[in-house]
Amino acid sequence: MNKKSCFFILKSILFLAFTSLFVACGGDSESEPNPNPEPPVTTDSYVRFTQQTLQVSAGQGATYITVEWSAAEWTLTPGNGDIIEELAMTSGGDKTKTKQKTRVRMIHRANLSTESRSQTLTLTNNETNETATMTITQAAGYKAASVTLNAAEKYQPVVGFGGMLNPVIWCGSNLLSTGDINKLYSPNQLGYNILRLMIYPNPNDWAADVPAAKAAAAHGAIIFACPWDCTDALADQLEGKKHLKHENYAAYAQHLVDYIEYMRSQGVEIYAISVQNEPDMEFTFWKPNEVVTFLKEHGQTIRNTGVKLMAPEACGTQPDYTDPVLKDADAFAQTDIIAGHLYQGFIDVNSGSYVKNRHDYICGLYNKLNGKTWWMTEHLFNDGEKSNNQADWQFQRWDYCLNHLGKEIHMSMEGYCSAYIYWYLKRFYGLMGDDDNRSPVAKGEIAKNGYIMSHYARFANNTTRIAAEATQDNLLTTAYINADGTELTVVMLNMQNQALNVTLNPGYDVEVTEAIYTTEQVDMQAATTVDNDNAAQPGVLVEPWSITSVRMALK
């Protein structure tokens, strides 16, 4: 064998030997890699939070806390405080596992105070006794506010609240059943106490309203009635409108007396009757002086039945119709209740001088009445009803209802009104849903407007309004005292996106016996009361964009 051959053989042997040694030492090879390699063994043990601070919402809620740990068992321990309500787990870990993460669900309580607060959460490594701390903070849930009452400063008597019974001659099948009436007028439900009826021109139709009227009366409701049509037999035309001839005034008065006597024969006592619904409109048109003349000449005939007489009940409670009744001593003597409607603007006092002047005139009526009262006997809110676009149906929205019906009742009470009566009880824009596709609730169910009125009906019926002053401009508040002076009530509209912790200052030691609230989400739910360790300063939590009513018994 020559030298060249020997060198080649030696080179081959060395290559094979080197390759075998490289593979044995873990170098590249053509074999498949292990897809689940074992983690390196370590004896390091630790536990820690992924963050040292945590901010939670003011309301009750839930969030997650993440614990990082390795080769350890651990324990979570809440420190002193009242934020943490529940931890899904208070211990975990495993000494045989490394580099792990665990998410722990934490439920936190609502902060019902007017101050922010904090609470610590301690994480302990059970192997080493080392600890880590997280600080949990929570903003104040409610802004402090107060309402001061003065029962010695009394204003108008408040008779009550209610609506119009859907008239059978106009509403077809959309009528109220006895069950509907019970839901609206039972003191244990919505608690309305005034029902308005239409006096139909044809006496043959009067019987249709008897069942509903009797059902409402069974709950203690006041029943009053208003004529729209003076009847064809008694009418002529004036300015293109139906008009009652003067020579038929006596016959018309008898028509109203006949209605009173008929309803009485059916077991329905009529509390009051109107001369004419909206004499300034086209139903039956009256000039202002004609209303005065009828009151003077035939008012006593109607009042001799024991029924009160109301007038003039003009569409916008205009001075043109109201002042002549007030200024004529004989007509005013025959008028027990000054009635009017709030169409043509009332709540938007900043929209211009016309509305502001109307508002100021209406709110000034009480001081002119010498002990008599004024009633708001009809209004409705139906913005967007003629649109085919549901987005335009504003009456379906909570903010619209609160800013219209809620605000108007409040302003009427502040304006010395003694009774507030909405238009149809059962209508898509009314107090109870009907079968119209625009109705926000099912037929026979209570709409948001219905609950808003109930807050006043249940807490202000048969009371006297007293002075109430709130420290928050957007907390619209009225207060009331019952006849024997043993109970105070408050109705508050929170017209802002701010929850309030309201301290009530009634001027007496009291016990809160009932507190309820309504928002977009809930209806007539129990409100949270706050014990301020002072019987003369009870508290209640008032939610944003809500109506809240409170009843207090004097101790």
Protein backbone atom coordinates (compact mmCIF):
# COMPACT_ATOMS: atom_id res chain seq x y z
CA MET A 1 0.00 0.00 0.00
CA ASN A 2 1.49 3.28 -1.01
CA LYS A 3 1.65 6.41 1.15
CA LYS A 4 -1.20 8.13 -0.65
CA SER A 5 -3.64 5.24 0.05
CA CYS A 6 -2.62 5.08 3.71
CA PHE A 7 -3.24 8.84 4.11
CA PHE A 8 -6.75 8.54 2.59
CA ILE A 9 -7.73 5.68 4.91
CA LEU A 10 -6.47 7.58 8.00
CA LYS A 11 -8.38 10.70 6.94
CA SER A 12 -11.65 8.74 6.62
CA ILE A 13 -11.22 7.12 10.05
CA LEU A 14 -10.63 10.49 11.70
CA PHE A 15 -13.73 12.05 10.00
CA LEU A 16 -15.98 9.23 11.22
CA ALA A 17 -14.61 9.48 14.72
CA PHE A 18 -15.11 13.26 14.86
CA THR A 19 -18.67 13.02 13.54
CA SER A 20 -19.61 10.43 16.16
CA LEU A 21 -18.17 12.56 18.94
CA PHE A 22 -20.11 15.69 17.68
CA VAL A 23 -23.44 13.88 17.67
CA ALA A 24 -22.83 12.45 21.10
CA CYS A 25 -22.21 15.97 22.42
CA GLY A 26 -25.63 17.30 21.21
CA GLY A 27 -24.81 18.85 17.89
CA ASP A 28 -27.09 18.96 14.84
CA SER A 29 -28.48 15.68 13.65
CA GLU A 30 -31.10 14.55 11.23
CA SER A 31 -33.39 13.14 14.01
CA GLU A 32 -36.73 14.96 14.90
CA PRO A 33 -36.47 17.47 17.79
CA ASN A 34 -38.52 16.82 20.98
CA PRO A 35 -41.71 18.99 20.65
CA ASN A 36 -42.28 19.16 24.45
CA PRO A 37 -38.91 19.54 26.05
CA GLU A 38 -38.82 19.37 29.84
CA PRO A 39 -38.34 22.80 31.46
CA PRO A 40 -35.11 23.27 33.23
CA VAL A 41 -35.31 22.33 36.86
CA THR A 42 -35.09 25.32 39.16
CA THR A 43 -35.41 25.86 42.85
CA ASP A 44 -36.32 29.61 42.57
CA SER A 45 -39.65 30.32 44.33
CA TYR A 46 -41.57 33.57 43.92
CA VAL A 47 -45.06 35.13 43.95
CA ARG A 48 -46.01 38.62 42.74
CA PHE A 49 -48.83 40.75 41.34
CA THR A 50 -48.59 41.94 37.76
CA GLN A 51 -49.45 45.43 39.06
CA GLN A 52 -49.08 47.18 42.39
CA THR A 53 -52.18 49.42 42.11
CA LEU A 54 -55.71 48.89 40.83
CA GLN A 55 -58.50 51.46 40.30
CA VAL A 56 -62.05 50.07 40.36
CA SER A 57 -65.33 51.75 39.42
CA ALA A 58 -67.50 53.49 42.00
CA GLY A 59 -70.41 51.12 41.42
CA GLN A 60 -70.50 47.45 42.26
CA GLY A 61 -68.63 45.37 39.71
CA ALA A 62 -66.05 42.69 39.01
CA THR A 63 -62.49 42.66 37.75
CA TYR A 64 -59.51 40.28 37.57
CA ILE A 65 -56.24 40.27 39.49
CA THR A 66 -53.29 38.38 37.98
CA VAL A 67 -50.80 36.54 40.20
CA GLU A 68 -47.44 35.40 38.78
CA TRP A 69 -45.84 32.56 40.70
CA SER A 70 -43.26 29.80 40.48
CA ALA A 71 -42.55 26.77 42.66
CA ALA A 72 -44.80 28.07 45.42
CA GLU A 73 -48.17 27.86 47.11
CA TRP A 74 -49.66 31.25 47.93
CA THR A 75 -52.44 33.01 49.86
CA LEU A 76 -54.43 36.22 49.20
CA THR A 77 -55.46 38.26 52.26
CA PRO A 78 -57.61 41.42 52.07
CA GLY A 79 -56.59 44.24 54.36
CA ASN A 80 -58.92 46.47 56.32
CA GLY A 81 -61.52 48.16 54.15
CA ASP A 82 -64.84 47.63 52.46
CA ILE A 83 -64.04 47.54 48.75
CA ILE A 84 -63.49 43.82 48.27
CA GLU A 85 -66.72 41.85 48.55
CA GLU A 86 -65.54 38.48 47.27
CA LEU A 87 -62.46 36.76 45.85
CA ALA A 88 -63.08 33.75 43.64
CA MET A 89 -60.05 32.09 45.30
CA THR A 90 -57.87 33.06 48.24
CA SER A 91 -55.11 30.47 47.75
CA GLY A 92 -53.37 28.70 44.92
CA GLY A 93 -50.05 27.68 43.45
CA ASP A 94 -48.09 24.42 43.29
CA LYS A 95 -44.54 23.75 44.49
CA THR A 96 -43.93 21.41 41.57
CA LYS A 97 -44.78 23.91 38.82
CA THR A 98 -42.85 26.90 37.66
CA LYS A 99 -43.46 30.19 35.91
CA GLN A 100 -47.26 30.21 36.12
CA LYS A 101 -49.97 32.91 36.01
CA THR A 102 -53.36 32.74 37.77
CA ARG A 103 -56.26 35.17 37.21
CA VAL A 104 -58.42 35.71 40.29
CA ARG A 105 -61.89 37.23 39.88
CA MET A 106 -62.65 39.95 42.43
CA ILE A 107 -66.11 41.42 43.09
CA HIS A 108 -66.08 44.91 44.59
CA ARG A 109 -68.85 46.68 46.46
CA ALA A 110 -70.34 49.99 45.38
CA ASN A 111 -68.90 53.01 47.12
CA LEU A 112 -71.97 54.52 48.72
CA SER A 113 -70.02 57.31 50.35
CA THR A 114 -69.09 60.75 49.13
CA GLU A 115 -65.34 60.12 49.57
CA SER A 116 -62.80 57.97 47.72
CA ARG A 117 -61.39 54.97 49.57
CA SER A 118 -58.69 52.32 49.37
CA GLN A 119 -57.94 48.79 50.54
CA THR A 120 -54.83 46.62 50.36
CA LEU A 121 -54.58 43.04 49.14
CA THR A 122 -51.59 41.00 50.35
CA LEU A 123 -50.10 38.06 48.46
CA THR A 124 -48.02 35.68 50.62
CA ASN A 125 -45.53 33.05 49.41
CA ASN A 126 -46.20 30.15 51.74
CA GLU A 127 -42.75 28.70 51.04
CA THR A 128 -40.68 31.75 51.91
CA ASN A 129 -43.22 33.92 53.83
CA GLU A 130 -42.35 36.79 51.48
CA THR A 131 -45.24 39.13 50.64
CA ALA A 132 -46.35 41.43 47.86
CA THR A 133 -48.99 44.17 48.23
CA MET A 134 -51.53 45.66 45.85
CA THR A 135 -53.40 48.89 46.69
CA ILE A 136 -56.99 49.02 45.41
CA THR A 137 -58.59 52.47 45.14
CA GLN A 138 -62.18 53.44 44.45
CA ALA A 139 -63.56 56.87 43.62
CA ALA A 140 -66.47 58.38 45.52
CA GLY A 141 -69.68 56.96 44.15
CA TYR A 142 -71.98 59.81 45.13
CA LYS A 143 -71.63 63.55 45.37
CA ALA A 144 -72.90 65.08 48.60
CA ALA A 145 -76.10 67.10 48.39
CA SER A 146 -78.83 68.13 50.79
CA VAL A 147 -82.47 69.13 50.80
CA THR A 148 -83.86 71.33 53.58
CA LEU A 149 -87.59 71.27 54.31
CA ASN A 150 -89.67 73.85 56.13
CA ALA A 151 -93.06 72.46 57.08
CA ALA A 152 -94.05 75.79 58.60
CA GLU A 153 -94.01 77.39 55.15
CA LYS A 154 -97.06 75.94 53.46
CA TYR A 155 -98.26 76.54 49.92
CA GLN A 156 -101.15 75.06 47.92
CA PRO A 157 -103.20 71.97 48.75
CA VAL A 158 -102.43 69.09 46.40
CA VAL A 159 -105.56 67.16 45.44
CA GLY A 160 -103.90 64.60 43.18
CA PHE A 161 -102.93 63.22 39.80
CA GLY A 162 -104.48 61.18 37.03
CA GLY A 163 -105.52 61.08 33.40
CA MET A 164 -108.28 61.04 30.84
CA LEU A 165 -110.41 57.96 30.30
CA ASN A 166 -110.22 57.06 26.60
CA PRO A 167 -113.61 58.16 25.21
CA VAL A 168 -115.65 55.41 23.62
CA ILE A 169 -116.84 57.67 20.78
CA TRP A 170 -113.24 58.39 19.67
CA CYS A 171 -111.05 55.46 20.64
CA GLY A 172 -112.86 52.43 19.26
CA SER A 173 -111.31 49.32 20.78
CA ASN A 174 -108.51 51.18 22.58
CA LEU A 175 -110.45 51.43 25.82
CA LEU A 176 -109.50 50.76 29.42
CA SER A 177 -110.63 47.58 31.08
CA THR A 178 -111.46 47.33 34.76
CA GLY A 179 -108.11 45.59 35.17
CA ASP A 180 -106.36 48.55 33.57
CA ILE A 181 -108.11 50.93 35.94
CA ASN A 182 -107.18 48.80 38.94
CA LYS A 183 -103.52 48.83 37.87
CA LEU A 184 -103.52 52.62 37.53
CA TYR A 185 -105.69 53.59 40.50
CA SER A 186 -105.05 50.99 43.18
CA PRO A 187 -103.11 52.55 46.08
CA ASN A 188 -100.98 49.42 46.06
CA GLN A 189 -100.01 49.96 42.42
CA LEU A 190 -99.66 53.33 40.67
CA GLY A 191 -101.96 55.14 43.08
CA TYR A 192 -103.60 57.70 40.75
CA ASN A 193 -106.61 59.40 42.30
CA ILE A 194 -108.25 61.59 39.63
CA LEU A 195 -110.13 60.35 36.55
CA ARG A 196 -111.36 62.70 33.84
CA LEU A 197 -114.38 61.75 31.70
CA MET A 198 -115.84 63.15 28.51
CA ILE A 199 -119.51 64.18 28.66
CA TYR A 200 -120.77 62.71 25.40
CA PRO A 201 -123.38 64.77 23.52
CA ASN A 202 -125.59 61.69 23.16
CA PRO A 203 -126.90 60.44 26.53
CA ASN A 204 -127.10 56.93 25.10
CA ASP A 205 -123.29 56.80 25.27
CA TRP A 206 -122.99 57.76 28.93
CA ALA A 207 -123.30 54.18 30.17
CA ALA A 208 -120.06 53.16 28.46
CA ASP A 209 -117.92 54.97 31.04
CA VAL A 210 -119.70 53.72 34.14
CA PRO A 211 -117.65 50.52 34.77
CA ALA A 212 -114.30 52.32 34.57
CA ALA A 213 -115.55 55.22 36.69
CA LYS A 214 -116.89 52.87 39.36
CA ALA A 215 -113.63 50.91 39.39
CA ALA A 216 -111.60 54.09 39.92
CA ALA A 217 -114.02 55.38 42.55
CA ALA A 218 -113.71 52.08 44.41
CA HIS A 219 -110.06 53.02 44.96
CA GLY A 220 -111.05 56.44 46.26
CA ALA A 221 -110.53 58.36 43.02
CA ILE A 222 -112.12 61.72 42.26
CA ILE A 223 -114.20 61.68 39.06
CA PHE A 224 -114.71 64.89 37.09
CA ALA A 225 -116.20 65.41 33.63
CA CYS A 226 -115.92 67.84 30.72
CA PRO A 227 -118.12 68.46 27.67
CA TRP A 228 -116.61 68.83 24.20
CA ASP A 229 -119.82 69.11 22.18
CA CYS A 230 -122.81 71.21 23.23
CA THR A 231 -124.99 68.92 21.01
CA ASP A 232 -126.24 69.72 17.52
CA ALA A 233 -129.69 70.58 18.79
CA LEU A 234 -128.40 73.52 20.84
CA ALA A 235 -125.76 74.84 18.45
CA ASP A 236 -125.32 77.32 15.67
CA GLN A 237 -122.19 78.50 13.83
CA LEU A 238 -119.88 81.34 14.85
CA GLU A 239 -116.69 82.17 12.98
CA GLY A 240 -117.02 78.84 11.19
CA LYS A 241 -117.14 76.84 14.41
CA LYS A 242 -119.85 75.08 16.38
CA HIS A 243 -121.24 77.53 18.89
CA LEU A 244 -123.81 77.42 21.69
CA LYS A 245 -126.64 79.88 21.18
CA HIS A 246 -127.37 82.09 24.17
CA GLU A 247 -131.05 81.19 24.16
CA ASN A 248 -130.02 77.58 24.73
CA TYR A 249 -127.84 78.21 27.79
CA ALA A 250 -130.55 76.94 30.15
CA ALA A 251 -131.05 73.77 28.08
CA TYR A 252 -127.28 73.22 28.04
CA ALA A 253 -127.08 73.61 31.81
CA GLN A 254 -129.85 71.01 32.12
CA HIS A 255 -127.88 68.69 29.81
CA LEU A 256 -124.97 68.86 32.26
CA VAL A 257 -127.29 68.33 35.24
CA ASP A 258 -128.84 65.31 33.51
CA TYR A 259 -125.37 63.82 33.13
CA ILE A 260 -124.61 64.34 36.82
CA GLU A 261 -127.88 62.74 37.85
CA TYR A 262 -127.47 59.82 35.47
CA MET A 263 -123.97 58.99 36.73
CA ARG A 264 -125.21 59.31 40.31
CA SER A 265 -128.01 56.87 39.55
CA GLN A 266 -125.34 54.42 38.36
CA GLY A 267 -123.35 54.76 41.56
CA VAL A 268 -120.79 57.29 40.28
CA GLU A 269 -120.48 60.59 42.12
CA ILE A 270 -119.13 63.38 39.94
CA TYR A 271 -116.80 65.64 41.94
CA ALA A 272 -116.65 68.52 39.45
CA ILE A 273 -117.86 69.44 36.00
CA SER A 274 -116.46 71.86 33.44
CA VAL A 275 -118.46 74.45 31.52
CA GLN A 276 -116.58 73.56 28.31
CA ASN A 277 -113.39 71.79 27.35
CA GLU A 278 -111.21 74.33 25.51
CA PRO A 279 -113.82 76.99 24.65
CA ASP A 280 -111.15 78.72 22.55
CA MET A 281 -110.96 75.77 20.14
CA GLU A 282 -113.26 74.28 17.50
CA PHE A 283 -115.07 71.64 19.58
CA THR A 284 -117.66 74.16 20.73
CA PHE A 285 -116.43 77.71 20.48
CA TRP A 286 -117.18 80.26 23.20
CA LYS A 287 -116.07 83.86 23.44
CA PRO A 288 -114.58 84.79 26.84
CA ASN A 289 -117.55 86.99 27.78
CA GLU A 290 -119.91 84.11 26.96
CA VAL A 291 -118.21 81.87 29.51
CA VAL A 292 -118.65 84.63 32.08
CA THR A 293 -122.32 85.03 31.18
CA PHE A 294 -123.04 81.31 31.47
CA LEU A 295 -121.37 81.13 34.89
CA LYS A 296 -123.38 84.07 36.17
CA GLU A 297 -126.72 82.93 34.76
CA HIS A 298 -126.57 79.13 35.16
CA GLY A 299 -123.60 78.23 37.33
CA GLN A 300 -125.73 77.93 40.42
CA THR A 301 -128.08 75.48 38.67
CA ILE A 302 -125.20 73.07 38.23
CA ARG A 303 -123.68 73.68 41.66
CA ASN A 304 -127.03 73.00 43.32
CA THR A 305 -126.44 69.32 42.53
CA GLY A 306 -123.53 69.36 44.99
CA VAL A 307 -121.00 69.19 42.16
CA LYS A 308 -118.20 71.73 41.85
CA LEU A 309 -118.00 73.88 38.73
CA MET A 310 -114.73 74.51 36.90
CA ALA A 311 -113.88 77.06 34.20
CA PRO A 312 -112.73 78.26 31.76
CA GLU A 313 -110.41 75.30 30.85
CA ALA A 314 -108.88 77.09 27.86
CA CYS A 315 -106.31 75.35 25.67
CA GLY A 316 -103.37 77.40 26.89
CA THR A 317 -104.78 78.83 30.12
CA GLN A 318 -104.70 82.18 28.35
CA PRO A 319 -105.37 85.39 30.25
CA ASP A 320 -107.95 86.27 27.56
CA TYR A 321 -110.21 83.53 28.94
CA THR A 322 -109.05 83.22 32.53
CA ASP A 323 -108.92 86.86 33.61
CA PRO A 324 -112.57 87.65 32.72
CA VAL A 325 -113.69 84.86 35.08
CA LEU A 326 -111.39 86.07 37.85
CA LYS A 327 -112.35 89.73 37.49
CA ASP A 328 -116.12 89.32 37.40
CA ALA A 329 -117.19 88.85 41.01
CA ASP A 330 -120.43 87.04 40.18
CA ALA A 331 -118.82 84.64 37.69
CA PHE A 332 -115.92 83.94 40.02
CA ALA A 333 -118.33 83.21 42.86
CA GLN A 334 -119.86 80.41 40.76
CA THR A 335 -116.45 78.98 39.86
CA ASP A 336 -115.05 76.49 42.36
CA ILE A 337 -111.95 75.50 40.39
CA ILE A 338 -109.96 77.49 37.84
CA ALA A 339 -109.00 74.97 35.17
CA GLY A 340 -106.69 75.22 32.19
CA HIS A 341 -104.36 73.31 29.89
CA LEU A 342 -100.63 73.71 29.31
CA TYR A 343 -100.50 73.58 25.54
CA GLN A 344 -98.64 76.43 23.80
CA GLY A 345 -95.59 76.17 26.05
CA PHE A 346 -94.80 76.08 29.76
CA ILE A 347 -91.58 74.30 30.72
CA ASP A 348 -89.23 75.92 28.18
CA VAL A 349 -89.09 79.28 29.91
CA ASN A 350 -85.74 80.06 28.30
CA SER A 351 -87.08 79.64 24.76
CA GLY A 352 -88.44 83.17 24.58
CA SER A 353 -90.62 85.79 26.19
CA TYR A 354 -93.90 84.23 25.00
CA VAL A 355 -93.42 81.00 26.94
CA LYS A 356 -91.89 82.74 29.93
CA ASN A 357 -94.81 85.16 30.15
CA ARG A 358 -97.28 82.26 29.94
CA HIS A 359 -95.39 80.37 32.62
CA ASP A 360 -95.26 83.37 34.94
CA TYR A 361 -98.93 84.13 34.41
CA ILE A 362 -100.01 80.55 35.16
CA CYS A 363 -97.78 80.27 38.23
CA GLY A 364 -99.20 83.54 39.49
CA LEU A 365 -102.83 82.40 39.38
CA TYR A 366 -102.92 80.92 42.88
CA ASN A 367 -102.35 84.27 44.55
CA LYS A 368 -105.44 85.63 42.77
CA LEU A 369 -107.84 82.86 43.81
CA ASN A 370 -108.67 83.84 47.41
CA GLY A 371 -108.39 80.28 48.70
CA LYS A 372 -109.67 78.52 45.58
CA THR A 373 -107.39 76.29 43.50
CA TRP A 374 -106.28 75.88 39.91
CA TRP A 375 -106.01 72.53 38.14
CA MET A 376 -104.03 71.54 35.07
CA THR A 377 -106.60 69.31 33.38
CA GLU A 378 -104.95 68.32 30.09
CA HIS A 379 -101.60 68.09 28.35
CA LEU A 380 -99.62 65.46 26.44
CA PHE A 381 -96.14 64.94 25.01
CA ASN A 382 -95.92 63.15 21.66
CA ASP A 383 -93.00 64.67 19.75
CA GLY A 384 -92.18 62.70 16.62
CA GLU A 385 -95.40 60.67 16.52
CA LYS A 386 -96.06 61.37 12.83
CA SER A 387 -92.67 60.12 11.66
CA ASN A 388 -92.22 56.68 10.14
CA ASN A 389 -88.73 56.57 11.63
CA GLN A 390 -88.66 55.02 15.08
CA ALA A 391 -85.63 57.13 15.97
CA ASP A 392 -87.93 60.17 15.88
CA TRP A 393 -90.40 58.77 18.42
CA GLN A 394 -89.08 60.81 21.28
CA PHE A 395 -91.88 59.78 23.65
CA GLN A 396 -90.25 56.34 23.85
CA ARG A 397 -87.06 57.71 25.42
CA TRP A 398 -86.50 57.98 29.17
CA ASP A 399 -84.65 61.30 28.95
CA TYR A 400 -87.56 62.79 27.00
CA CYS A 401 -90.13 61.57 29.54
CA LEU A 402 -88.12 62.86 32.50
CA ASN A 403 -87.44 66.22 30.85
CA HIS A 404 -91.06 66.71 29.78
CA LEU A 405 -93.69 65.06 31.95
CA GLY A 406 -91.43 64.82 35.00
CA LYS A 407 -90.22 68.38 34.72
CA GLU A 408 -93.70 69.74 33.94
CA ILE A 409 -95.32 68.12 36.97
CA HIS A 410 -92.50 69.48 39.12
CA MET A 411 -92.89 72.97 37.68
CA SER A 412 -96.67 72.80 38.04
CA MET A 413 -96.31 71.90 41.70
CA GLU A 414 -93.86 74.78 42.17
CA GLY A 415 -96.42 76.92 40.31
CA TYR A 416 -99.09 76.23 42.95
CA CYS A 417 -101.08 73.74 40.89
CA SER A 418 -103.42 71.54 42.93
CA ALA A 419 -104.11 68.76 40.40
CA TYR A 420 -102.31 67.49 37.31
CA ILE A 421 -104.25 65.40 34.79
CA TYR A 422 -102.57 63.97 31.69
CA TRP A 423 -104.44 63.32 28.42
CA TYR A 424 -105.22 59.70 27.47
CA LEU A 425 -104.36 57.20 30.15
CA LYS A 426 -103.87 54.42 27.59
CA ARG A 427 -101.92 55.55 24.54
CA PHE A 428 -98.47 55.06 23.04
CA TYR A 429 -97.45 58.52 24.30
CA GLY A 430 -99.47 58.19 27.50
CA LEU A 431 -99.24 56.44 30.82
CA MET A 432 -100.11 52.90 29.72
CA GLY A 433 -99.20 51.14 26.47
CA ASP A 434 -101.72 50.33 23.74
CA ASP A 435 -101.65 48.20 20.58
CA ASP A 436 -100.15 50.96 18.42
CA ASN A 437 -96.79 49.90 16.94
CA ARG A 438 -95.27 53.09 18.39
CA SER A 439 -96.05 52.06 21.95
CA PRO A 440 -92.86 51.65 24.00
CA VAL A 441 -94.47 48.90 26.10
CA ALA A 442 -97.02 46.18 25.45
CA LYS A 443 -100.73 46.92 25.60
CA GLY A 444 -101.84 47.31 29.20
CA GLU A 445 -98.29 47.64 30.53
CA ILE A 446 -97.11 50.76 32.33
CA ALA A 447 -94.96 53.20 30.36
CA LYS A 448 -92.22 55.42 31.81
CA ASN A 449 -94.67 58.36 31.88
CA GLY A 450 -96.95 56.22 34.01
CA TYR A 451 -94.26 55.57 36.58
CA ILE A 452 -93.22 59.23 36.66
CA MET A 453 -96.77 60.27 37.52
CA SER A 454 -96.99 57.50 40.11
CA HIS A 455 -94.04 58.98 42.00
CA TYR A 456 -96.17 62.08 42.58
CA ALA A 457 -99.50 60.29 42.98
CA ARG A 458 -98.24 57.94 45.67
CA PHE A 459 -96.30 60.57 47.58
CA ALA A 460 -98.21 63.84 47.11
CA ASN A 461 -101.93 63.00 46.84
CA ASN A 462 -104.05 64.76 49.46
CA THR A 463 -101.19 66.76 50.95
CA THR A 464 -100.05 70.37 51.21
CA ARG A 465 -96.88 71.44 49.47
CA ILE A 466 -94.23 72.88 51.78
CA ALA A 467 -90.95 74.68 51.26
CA ALA A 468 -88.01 72.61 50.00
CA GLU A 469 -84.58 73.85 49.02
CA ALA A 470 -81.89 71.67 47.40
CA THR A 471 -78.19 72.49 47.28
CA GLN A 472 -77.96 71.12 43.74
CA ASP A 473 -79.50 73.18 40.94
CA ASN A 474 -80.17 70.03 38.91
CA LEU A 475 -81.94 68.29 41.79
CA LEU A 476 -85.54 69.45 41.23
CA THR A 477 -87.30 68.93 44.54
CA THR A 478 -90.77 69.44 45.95
CA ALA A 479 -91.97 68.40 49.41
CA TYR A 480 -95.34 67.77 51.04
CA ILE A 481 -96.99 67.25 54.42
CA ASN A 482 -100.11 65.18 55.07
CA ALA A 483 -103.30 66.53 56.62
CA ASP A 484 -102.58 65.54 60.23
CA GLY A 485 -98.94 66.59 60.09
CA THR A 486 -97.53 63.15 60.81
CA GLU A 487 -95.83 62.47 57.51
CA LEU A 488 -93.49 64.32 55.15
CA THR A 489 -92.77 63.30 51.57
CA VAL A 490 -90.22 64.44 49.03
CA VAL A 491 -90.08 63.97 45.24
CA MET A 492 -86.71 64.61 43.59
CA LEU A 493 -85.75 64.65 39.90
CA ASN A 494 -82.00 64.30 39.40
CA MET A 495 -81.49 65.93 36.01
CA GLN A 496 -77.77 65.21 35.62
CA ASN A 497 -75.31 62.41 35.03
CA GLN A 498 -74.14 62.48 38.66
CA ALA A 499 -75.19 60.18 41.47
CA LEU A 500 -76.01 62.01 44.71
CA ASN A 501 -75.95 61.11 48.37
CA VAL A 502 -78.73 63.40 49.56
CA THR A 503 -79.08 64.33 53.20
CA LEU A 504 -82.64 65.34 54.05
CA ASN A 505 -83.16 68.00 56.69
CA PRO A 506 -86.86 67.78 57.59
CA GLY A 507 -86.57 69.82 60.78
CA TYR A 508 -87.85 66.92 62.88
CA ASP A 509 -86.73 63.51 64.01
CA VAL A 510 -88.16 61.16 61.40
CA GLU A 511 -88.12 57.56 60.26
CA VAL A 512 -87.86 56.85 56.54
CA THR A 513 -90.68 54.41 55.86
CA GLU A 514 -90.45 54.23 52.06
CA ALA A 515 -88.02 55.33 49.36
CA ILE A 516 -88.34 54.35 45.69
CA TYR A 517 -86.71 55.40 42.44
CA THR A 518 -87.16 55.02 38.68
CA THR A 519 -84.50 55.27 35.99
CA GLU A 520 -84.23 54.18 32.39
CA GLN A 521 -83.33 50.71 33.64
CA VAL A 522 -85.66 50.18 36.63
CA ASP A 523 -89.20 51.10 37.70
CA MET A 524 -90.32 51.96 41.23
CA GLN A 525 -87.46 50.07 42.91
CA ALA A 526 -86.47 50.46 46.55
CA ALA A 527 -83.86 53.20 46.92
CA THR A 528 -80.89 52.84 49.25
CA THR A 529 -81.25 54.87 52.41
CA VAL A 530 -78.27 56.07 54.44
CA ASP A 531 -78.10 56.07 58.22
CA ASN A 532 -76.39 59.32 59.13
CA ASP A 533 -76.64 58.55 62.86
CA ASN A 534 -79.10 61.42 63.17
CA ALA A 535 -82.87 60.95 63.09
CA ALA A 536 -83.23 64.54 61.90
CA GLN A 537 -80.91 63.99 58.93
CA PRO A 538 -81.76 60.79 57.06
CA GLY A 539 -80.07 60.16 53.74
CA VAL A 540 -80.99 58.58 50.43
CA LEU A 541 -78.92 57.68 47.38
CA VAL A 542 -80.22 59.31 44.21
CA GLU A 543 -79.15 57.84 40.89
CA PRO A 544 -78.28 59.91 37.80
CA TRP A 545 -81.22 60.86 35.55
CA SER A 546 -83.78 59.52 37.98
CA ILE A 547 -86.91 60.34 39.92
CA THR A 548 -86.82 59.41 43.61
CA SER A 549 -89.60 59.69 46.21
CA VAL A 550 -89.18 59.43 49.97
CA ARG A 551 -91.75 59.06 52.76
CA MET A 552 -90.86 60.03 56.33
CA ALA A 553 -92.91 59.49 59.47
CA LEU A 554 -92.44 62.08 62.20
CA LYS A 555 -91.33 60.54 65.47
